[in-house]
């Protein structure tokens, strides 16, 4: 079952645009009906891949189009003024996102229609909290100030919530922060993180659990032939988990169906994260080897494997290109092998492509959150592989982003 409060959000029909639409750098197409957004994305993909795929590329719709994101991390920042104030002027603090096309200009947010349900109440409460406590945003240009990010996570099927306030070094008034969170957006897990780096990203080198549980739990439920396959995932503050989990269920169900048709013995899940794809397909193969360069993600995967009673997935922590080089220099890949690639937006490391093309696994499934980059990488595979299937999934309604899924089979001449 989907968390009832989130289920209510799936029925929302907003009669107007978000008050921040056009200024915020997040949504780009709230003013276009959702069905037309899907058409635009399908036409874009058809043109992008026209050199090597001539059939339609259907875009599978997201089951929800509002409040689908399970994670947002608005930043605290000094207010930007059209006219620069005097050097000794104390700037107000703003909590929000970047303005569209203006990374230097923070936008104070009052609502977010793709973020978790109720985050507007949380943001308003946190605004009142830091003002009453006299706390200021960290200014990286001056290397002074305190508040940096507010990391907000929720689980769509369990309803569990996590809030993390990330600051520079200093004393956090923890009790009042906990009260501000629980009064507006009751959370199951509340953390304080410390980030002393200059980069404006939501990371922390030190973490303190202020209240509740160290992790929250999410479930993915895949539909298959009228039955449901549930999987449980523990989510820690900086775990990578697909942003739109209900749409991800459709993506993983498709991957599972394609893996069933291929029927490999061994599955290499490269850029495997905490094991979402691996778990979705584990019962279809003899063994899954999941390779991920982030140690905490691999550890989450091991814990999640225990939670789901899955015993045939091995989690290895290594850069994919280094793992593939070692595999090539060793025994190589066995026959009847499937490789699933799910890299970050930066795509595959050139050496990873090199080593794959030297070992030539029989089947490759490539999941890409950056279709434009995939279009540049596919020609490298085309000489040795033919495209068997092409699909796409809308994990990001109201944005130009779309997830592509392509199935490659080794050409017979290469055997």
Protein backbone atom coordinates (compact mmCIF):
# COMPACT_ATOMS: atom_id res chain seq x y z
CA UNK A 1 0.00 0.00 0.00
CA UNK A 2 1.07 3.57 -0.64
CA UNK A 3 1.27 5.84 2.39
CA UNK A 4 -2.26 7.34 2.69
CA UNK A 5 -1.06 10.95 2.94
CA UNK A 6 0.90 10.53 -0.28
CA UNK A 7 -2.01 8.75 -1.94
CA UNK A 8 -4.06 11.89 -1.35
CA UNK A 9 -1.44 13.91 -3.22
CA UNK A 10 -1.86 11.82 -6.37
CA UNK A 11 -5.34 13.26 -6.78
CA UNK A 12 -4.21 16.89 -6.57
CA UNK A 13 -5.15 19.09 -9.51
CA UNK A 14 -3.60 22.52 -9.14
CA UNK A 15 -5.75 25.21 -10.79
CA UNK A 16 -2.76 27.53 -11.18
CA UNK A 17 0.99 27.41 -11.54
CA UNK A 18 3.39 27.21 -8.63
CA UNK A 19 4.09 30.67 -7.25
CA UNK A 20 7.78 30.16 -8.06
CA UNK A 21 7.32 28.83 -11.60
CA UNK A 22 9.50 30.71 -14.07
CA UNK A 23 11.92 31.85 -11.38
CA UNK A 24 12.87 28.52 -9.79
CA UNK A 25 15.45 26.41 -11.60
CA UNK A 26 13.55 23.18 -10.89
CA UNK A 27 10.37 22.80 -12.97
CA UNK A 28 10.42 23.88 -16.61
CA UNK A 29 7.06 22.70 -17.97
CA UNK A 30 4.37 22.97 -15.30
CA UNK A 31 2.43 25.08 -17.80
CA UNK A 32 2.20 22.15 -20.26
CA UNK A 33 -0.39 19.37 -19.71
CA UNK A 34 1.35 16.19 -18.59
CA UNK A 35 0.28 14.12 -21.60
CA UNK A 36 1.88 16.71 -23.87
CA UNK A 37 5.07 16.64 -21.79
CA UNK A 38 5.33 12.91 -22.57
CA UNK A 39 4.81 13.57 -26.29
CA UNK A 40 7.56 16.20 -26.27
CA UNK A 41 9.97 13.80 -24.58
CA UNK A 42 9.15 10.98 -26.99
CA UNK A 43 9.74 13.22 -30.01
CA UNK A 44 13.00 14.40 -28.50
CA UNK A 45 14.23 10.83 -28.03
CA UNK A 46 13.15 9.77 -31.51
CA UNK A 47 15.18 12.60 -33.04
CA UNK A 48 18.14 12.04 -30.71
CA UNK A 49 18.52 8.36 -31.63
CA UNK A 50 17.33 8.51 -35.24
CA UNK A 51 20.73 7.47 -36.59
CA UNK A 52 20.51 4.00 -35.05
CA UNK A 53 16.89 3.36 -34.02
CA UNK A 54 13.90 3.97 -36.33
CA UNK A 55 10.97 2.71 -34.26
CA UNK A 56 9.07 4.80 -31.70
CA UNK A 57 10.58 5.05 -28.22
CA UNK A 58 7.59 5.03 -25.86
CA UNK A 59 7.92 7.05 -22.68
CA UNK A 60 6.29 5.30 -19.73
CA UNK A 61 4.42 7.86 -17.64
CA UNK A 62 5.09 8.49 -13.98
CA UNK A 63 2.17 7.23 -11.86
CA UNK A 64 2.29 10.54 -9.95
CA UNK A 65 3.12 14.00 -11.26
CA UNK A 66 3.01 16.10 -8.07
CA UNK A 67 5.12 15.64 -4.93
CA UNK A 68 6.91 12.69 -6.51
CA UNK A 69 10.38 13.58 -5.25
CA UNK A 70 11.52 11.75 -2.13
CA UNK A 71 14.47 14.05 -1.51
CA UNK A 72 15.14 17.79 -1.73
CA UNK A 73 17.94 19.81 -0.16
CA UNK A 74 17.17 23.54 -0.19
CA UNK A 75 20.11 25.71 0.83
CA UNK A 76 20.48 28.51 3.33
CA UNK A 77 22.14 31.46 1.65
CA UNK A 78 22.74 35.18 2.14
CA UNK A 79 20.11 37.19 0.28
CA UNK A 80 21.08 38.64 -3.10
CA UNK A 81 20.26 42.29 -3.79
CA UNK A 82 19.95 43.98 -7.18
CA UNK A 83 22.00 46.86 -5.84
CA UNK A 84 25.06 45.63 -3.93
CA UNK A 85 24.83 46.71 -0.27
CA UNK A 86 27.76 48.26 1.63
CA UNK A 87 30.51 45.81 2.68
CA UNK A 88 29.48 45.93 6.34
CA UNK A 89 25.77 45.34 5.56
CA UNK A 90 24.28 42.26 7.25
CA UNK A 91 22.39 40.30 4.61
CA UNK A 92 19.19 38.46 5.48
CA UNK A 93 19.20 34.66 5.30
CA UNK A 94 17.19 32.86 2.62
CA UNK A 95 16.16 29.18 2.58
CA UNK A 96 15.39 27.89 -0.88
CA UNK A 97 16.65 26.97 -4.33
CA UNK A 98 18.65 28.68 -7.06
CA UNK A 99 16.88 30.99 -9.47
CA UNK A 100 16.65 29.76 -13.04
CA UNK A 101 19.89 30.55 -14.84
CA UNK A 102 21.24 32.50 -11.86
CA UNK A 103 23.24 30.19 -9.59
CA UNK A 104 24.33 33.17 -7.47
CA UNK A 105 20.79 34.35 -6.69
CA UNK A 106 18.93 32.30 -4.05
CA UNK A 107 15.15 32.08 -4.22
CA UNK A 108 13.25 31.87 -0.93
CA UNK A 109 10.63 29.15 -1.35
CA UNK A 110 7.15 29.00 0.10
CA UNK A 111 6.08 25.84 -1.74
CA UNK A 112 7.42 23.05 -3.93
CA UNK A 113 4.91 21.01 -5.89
CA UNK A 114 7.32 18.22 -6.81
CA UNK A 115 8.97 17.97 -3.38
CA UNK A 116 7.62 15.87 -0.48
CA UNK A 117 4.09 16.56 0.66
CA UNK A 118 4.01 19.11 3.47
CA UNK A 119 7.52 20.46 3.04
CA UNK A 120 6.04 23.97 2.75
CA UNK A 121 4.98 23.68 6.41
CA UNK A 122 8.43 22.44 7.38
CA UNK A 123 10.22 25.24 5.53
CA UNK A 124 7.99 27.86 7.17
CA UNK A 125 8.68 26.41 10.61
CA UNK A 126 12.44 26.24 10.03
CA UNK A 127 12.37 29.86 8.81
CA UNK A 128 10.75 30.90 12.10
CA UNK A 129 13.28 28.78 14.02
CA UNK A 130 16.49 30.23 12.61
CA UNK A 131 15.18 33.79 12.85
CA UNK A 132 14.16 33.37 16.47
CA UNK A 133 17.55 31.81 17.25
CA UNK A 134 19.44 34.56 15.41
CA UNK A 135 21.22 32.14 13.07
CA UNK A 136 22.72 33.17 9.72
CA UNK A 137 23.48 31.39 6.48
CA UNK A 138 27.06 30.34 5.77
CA UNK A 139 28.72 32.66 3.25
CA UNK A 140 31.43 30.75 1.39
CA UNK A 141 32.90 33.99 0.00
CA UNK A 142 33.57 35.29 3.51
CA UNK A 143 33.94 31.87 5.15
CA UNK A 144 31.56 32.88 7.91
CA UNK A 145 28.05 32.04 9.04
CA UNK A 146 26.47 28.79 10.17
CA UNK A 147 23.49 27.31 8.28
CA UNK A 148 24.10 25.47 4.99
CA UNK A 149 21.36 23.02 3.90
CA UNK A 150 18.10 21.46 4.96
CA UNK A 151 17.98 17.88 3.64
CA UNK A 152 14.43 16.54 3.48
CA UNK A 153 13.63 12.88 2.68
CA UNK A 154 10.41 10.92 2.74
CA UNK A 155 9.36 7.38 1.85
CA UNK A 156 6.33 7.17 -0.41
CA UNK A 157 5.09 3.73 0.62
CA UNK A 158 5.88 3.77 4.35
CA UNK A 159 5.34 7.46 5.06
CA UNK A 160 8.57 7.67 7.07
CA UNK A 161 10.43 10.99 7.08
CA UNK A 162 13.95 12.26 7.68
CA UNK A 163 15.23 15.81 8.20
CA UNK A 164 18.89 16.83 8.32
CA UNK A 165 20.13 20.33 9.08
CA UNK A 166 23.63 20.80 7.70
CA UNK A 167 25.76 23.58 9.15
CA UNK A 168 29.29 24.88 9.37
CA UNK A 169 31.07 24.36 12.68
CA UNK A 170 29.33 25.89 15.67
CA UNK A 171 26.72 25.18 18.32
CA UNK A 172 23.33 24.05 17.06
CA UNK A 173 20.31 24.83 19.27
CA UNK A 174 19.22 21.23 18.82
CA UNK A 175 16.20 21.14 21.13
CA UNK A 176 14.47 24.05 19.41
CA UNK A 177 15.30 22.63 15.98
CA UNK A 178 13.72 19.30 16.89
CA UNK A 179 10.64 21.13 18.17
CA UNK A 180 10.40 23.16 14.95
CA UNK A 181 10.53 20.01 12.83
CA UNK A 182 8.14 17.91 14.87
CA UNK A 183 5.56 20.70 15.14
CA UNK A 184 5.33 21.16 11.38
CA UNK A 185 6.41 17.90 9.70
CA UNK A 186 6.74 15.05 12.25
CA UNK A 187 9.87 13.11 11.30
CA UNK A 188 11.07 9.62 12.19
CA UNK A 189 14.73 10.64 11.96
CA UNK A 190 16.37 14.02 12.65
CA UNK A 191 20.10 14.67 12.18
CA UNK A 192 22.66 17.43 12.45
CA UNK A 193 25.48 17.32 9.91
CA UNK A 194 28.62 19.46 9.77
CA UNK A 195 30.14 20.49 6.44
CA UNK A 196 33.35 22.53 6.49
CA UNK A 197 33.98 22.38 2.73
CA UNK A 198 33.45 25.43 0.53
CA UNK A 199 31.43 23.58 -2.10
CA UNK A 200 27.73 24.40 -2.03
CA UNK A 201 26.47 20.81 -1.83
CA UNK A 202 24.48 18.93 0.81
CA UNK A 203 27.23 16.78 2.31
CA UNK A 204 28.58 16.35 5.83
CA UNK A 205 31.77 14.97 7.31
CA UNK A 206 30.25 14.64 10.79
CA UNK A 207 26.75 13.43 11.61
CA UNK A 208 24.84 13.45 14.90
CA UNK A 209 21.47 11.76 15.32
CA UNK A 210 19.32 14.25 17.24
CA UNK A 211 16.07 12.29 17.48
CA UNK A 212 14.42 9.11 16.26
CA UNK A 213 15.90 6.31 14.19
CA UNK A 214 19.22 6.32 12.29
CA UNK A 215 17.50 5.26 9.04
CA UNK A 216 14.07 5.34 7.45
CA UNK A 217 12.57 2.50 5.46
CA UNK A 218 11.16 2.56 1.94
CA UNK A 219 9.55 -0.20 -0.10
CA UNK A 220 9.49 -0.80 -3.83
CA UNK A 221 6.73 -3.02 -5.17
CA UNK A 222 7.13 -4.44 -8.69
CA UNK A 223 4.08 -5.70 -10.55
CA UNK A 224 4.47 -8.90 -12.54
CA UNK A 225 1.65 -10.89 -14.13
CA UNK A 226 -0.90 -9.74 -11.60
CA UNK A 227 1.33 -10.41 -8.58
CA UNK A 228 3.43 -8.05 -6.50
CA UNK A 229 7.13 -8.37 -5.64
CA UNK A 230 7.98 -6.20 -2.60
CA UNK A 231 11.49 -5.10 -1.63
CA UNK A 232 12.58 -3.22 1.49
CA UNK A 233 15.33 -0.56 1.57
CA UNK A 234 16.91 1.23 4.49
CA UNK A 235 17.67 4.85 3.67
CA UNK A 236 20.41 6.69 5.55
CA UNK A 237 20.92 10.48 5.21
CA UNK A 238 23.16 10.37 2.14
CA UNK A 239 22.03 7.09 0.57
CA UNK A 240 21.49 7.21 -3.17
CA UNK A 241 17.93 6.17 -3.98
CA UNK A 242 15.96 6.92 -7.12
CA UNK A 243 14.23 10.29 -6.72
CA UNK A 244 10.80 9.13 -7.93
CA UNK A 245 10.34 5.68 -6.38
CA UNK A 246 6.85 4.98 -7.73
CA UNK A 247 8.03 5.60 -11.30
CA UNK A 248 11.20 3.64 -10.52
CA UNK A 249 9.02 0.62 -9.81
CA UNK A 250 7.91 0.72 -13.45
CA UNK A 251 11.51 1.05 -14.66
CA UNK A 252 12.72 -1.86 -12.53
CA UNK A 253 9.75 -4.01 -13.57
CA UNK A 254 10.72 -3.44 -17.23
CA UNK A 255 14.36 -4.29 -16.51
CA UNK A 256 13.22 -7.46 -14.74
CA UNK A 257 11.08 -8.43 -17.74
CA UNK A 258 13.97 -7.89 -20.15
CA UNK A 259 16.32 -9.90 -17.90
CA UNK A 260 13.78 -12.73 -17.80
CA UNK A 261 13.70 -12.78 -21.62
CA UNK A 262 17.51 -12.81 -21.86
CA UNK A 263 17.83 -15.53 -19.18
CA UNK A 264 21.51 -15.01 -18.27
CA UNK A 265 23.37 -17.07 -15.70
CA UNK A 266 25.46 -14.20 -14.33
CA UNK A 267 24.40 -10.56 -13.99
CA UNK A 268 26.94 -7.77 -13.50
CA UNK A 269 25.16 -4.75 -11.99
CA UNK A 270 27.64 -1.94 -12.64
CA UNK A 271 27.14 1.37 -10.85
CA UNK A 272 24.84 -0.69 -8.66
CA UNK A 273 24.19 1.74 -5.79
CA UNK A 274 22.40 0.10 -2.88
CA UNK A 275 21.08 -2.78 -4.97
CA UNK A 276 17.70 -1.75 -6.41
CA UNK A 277 18.27 -3.32 -9.83
CA UNK A 278 20.20 -6.25 -8.39
CA UNK A 279 17.39 -7.21 -6.02
CA UNK A 280 14.76 -6.79 -8.72
CA UNK A 281 16.44 -9.49 -10.83
CA UNK A 282 18.26 -11.67 -8.28
CA UNK A 283 15.82 -14.59 -8.42
CA UNK A 284 16.15 -14.79 -12.22
CA UNK A 285 19.90 -15.55 -12.27
CA UNK A 286 22.43 -17.71 -10.49
CA UNK A 287 24.56 -14.80 -9.28
CA UNK A 288 24.57 -10.99 -9.25
CA UNK A 289 27.79 -9.02 -8.84
CA UNK A 290 27.05 -5.40 -7.94
CA UNK A 291 29.91 -2.92 -8.33
CA UNK A 292 29.71 0.57 -6.80
CA UNK A 293 32.45 3.10 -5.99
CA UNK A 294 30.69 4.56 -2.92
CA UNK A 295 31.44 2.41 0.12
CA UNK A 296 28.37 3.53 2.08
CA UNK A 297 26.11 2.50 -0.81
CA UNK A 298 27.70 -0.95 -0.92
CA UNK A 299 27.19 -1.30 2.83
CA UNK A 300 23.55 -0.24 2.47
CA UNK A 301 23.24 -2.90 -0.22
CA UNK A 302 24.57 -5.62 2.04
CA UNK A 303 22.17 -4.62 4.80
CA UNK A 304 19.28 -4.44 2.34
CA UNK A 305 20.14 -7.91 1.00
CA UNK A 306 19.76 -9.29 4.52
CA UNK A 307 16.46 -7.43 4.98
CA UNK A 308 15.13 -9.00 1.77
CA UNK A 309 16.57 -12.49 2.36
CA UNK A 310 18.58 -12.31 -0.86
CA UNK A 311 21.73 -14.40 -0.78
CA UNK A 312 23.10 -14.41 -4.32
CA UNK A 313 24.13 -10.74 -4.64
CA UNK A 314 27.75 -9.79 -3.96
CA UNK A 315 28.48 -6.11 -3.34
CA UNK A 316 31.93 -4.87 -4.31
CA UNK A 317 33.25 -1.36 -3.69
CA UNK A 318 35.46 -0.19 -6.55
CA UNK A 319 35.44 2.21 -9.51
CA UNK A 320 33.76 0.31 -12.34
CA UNK A 321 36.63 0.88 -14.76
CA UNK A 322 39.16 -0.57 -12.31
CA UNK A 323 36.95 -3.57 -11.60
CA UNK A 324 36.52 -4.25 -15.32
CA UNK A 325 40.26 -3.96 -15.94
CA UNK A 326 40.94 -6.53 -13.23
CA UNK A 327 38.24 -8.78 -14.66
CA UNK A 328 39.71 -8.48 -18.15
CA UNK A 329 43.22 -9.22 -16.88
CA UNK A 330 41.91 -12.21 -14.94
CA UNK A 331 39.44 -14.79 -16.14
CA UNK A 332 37.19 -12.36 -18.01
CA UNK A 333 33.43 -12.71 -18.12
CA UNK A 334 31.84 -16.15 -18.36
CA UNK A 335 29.48 -17.05 -21.18
CA UNK A 336 25.78 -16.24 -20.94
CA UNK A 337 26.50 -13.03 -19.06
CA UNK A 338 24.39 -9.88 -18.85
CA UNK A 339 25.85 -6.49 -17.90
CA UNK A 340 23.53 -3.77 -16.63
CA UNK A 341 24.94 -0.24 -16.71
CA UNK A 342 23.31 2.52 -14.67
CA UNK A 343 25.90 5.31 -14.43
CA UNK A 344 25.51 8.83 -13.09
CA UNK A 345 24.75 11.75 -15.43
CA UNK A 346 28.44 11.90 -16.34
CA UNK A 347 28.05 8.57 -18.14
CA UNK A 348 30.56 5.75 -18.52
CA UNK A 349 34.26 6.17 -17.88
CA UNK A 350 36.06 5.80 -21.26
CA UNK A 351 38.12 2.93 -19.87
CA UNK A 352 34.97 1.14 -18.73
CA UNK A 353 33.75 1.23 -22.34
CA UNK A 354 37.16 0.02 -23.55
CA UNK A 355 37.23 -2.97 -21.22
CA UNK A 356 33.63 -3.94 -21.95
CA UNK A 357 34.34 -3.93 -25.68
CA UNK A 358 37.41 -6.10 -25.11
CA UNK A 359 35.42 -8.69 -23.11
CA UNK A 360 32.22 -8.42 -25.20
CA UNK A 361 29.53 -9.75 -22.86
CA UNK A 362 26.65 -11.21 -24.86
CA UNK A 363 24.05 -8.79 -23.51
CA UNK A 364 24.14 -5.22 -22.15
CA UNK A 365 21.27 -3.23 -20.70
CA UNK A 366 22.07 0.46 -20.41
CA UNK A 367 19.98 2.68 -18.10
CA UNK A 368 20.74 6.34 -18.76
CA UNK A 369 19.54 9.45 -16.95
CA UNK A 370 21.41 11.52 -19.57
CA UNK A 371 20.02 10.51 -23.00
CA UNK A 372 22.15 13.09 -24.83
CA UNK A 373 25.33 11.55 -23.48
CA UNK A 374 24.03 8.05 -24.22
CA UNK A 375 23.60 9.15 -27.85
CA UNK A 376 27.33 9.95 -27.94
CA UNK A 377 28.30 6.66 -26.30
CA UNK A 378 26.09 4.29 -28.30
CA UNK A 379 28.12 4.60 -31.54
CA UNK A 380 31.07 3.11 -29.64
CA UNK A 381 29.01 -0.06 -29.09
CA UNK A 382 27.22 -0.29 -32.43
CA UNK A 383 30.00 -2.07 -34.35
CA UNK A 384 29.96 -4.97 -31.88
CA UNK A 385 26.33 -4.78 -30.73
CA UNK A 386 22.90 -4.39 -32.23
CA UNK A 387 20.05 -2.61 -30.46
CA UNK A 388 17.21 -5.00 -29.65
CA UNK A 389 14.89 -2.82 -27.56
CA UNK A 390 14.52 0.84 -26.66
CA UNK A 391 12.24 2.36 -24.05
CA UNK A 392 12.09 5.37 -21.75
CA UNK A 393 10.59 6.29 -18.38
CA UNK A 394 9.51 9.64 -17.06
CA UNK A 395 11.02 9.86 -13.59
CA UNK A 396 10.99 13.67 -13.64
CA UNK A 397 7.60 15.20 -14.58
CA UNK A 398 7.61 18.95 -15.32
CA UNK A 399 11.32 18.86 -16.22
CA UNK A 400 13.13 18.09 -19.49
CA UNK A 401 14.78 15.01 -17.97
CA UNK A 402 13.87 11.46 -18.96
CA UNK A 403 15.38 8.02 -18.29
CA UNK A 404 16.35 5.89 -21.32
CA UNK A 405 16.63 2.09 -21.34
CA UNK A 406 18.30 0.24 -24.20
CA UNK A 407 19.03 -3.46 -24.74
CA UNK A 408 22.16 -4.39 -26.70
CA UNK A 409 22.98 -7.87 -28.03
CA UNK A 410 26.41 -8.90 -29.30
CA UNK A 411 26.49 -9.34 -33.05
CA UNK A 412 26.96 -12.93 -34.18
CA UNK A 413 30.06 -11.99 -36.20
CA UNK A 414 31.83 -11.27 -32.92
CA UNK A 415 31.43 -14.83 -31.62
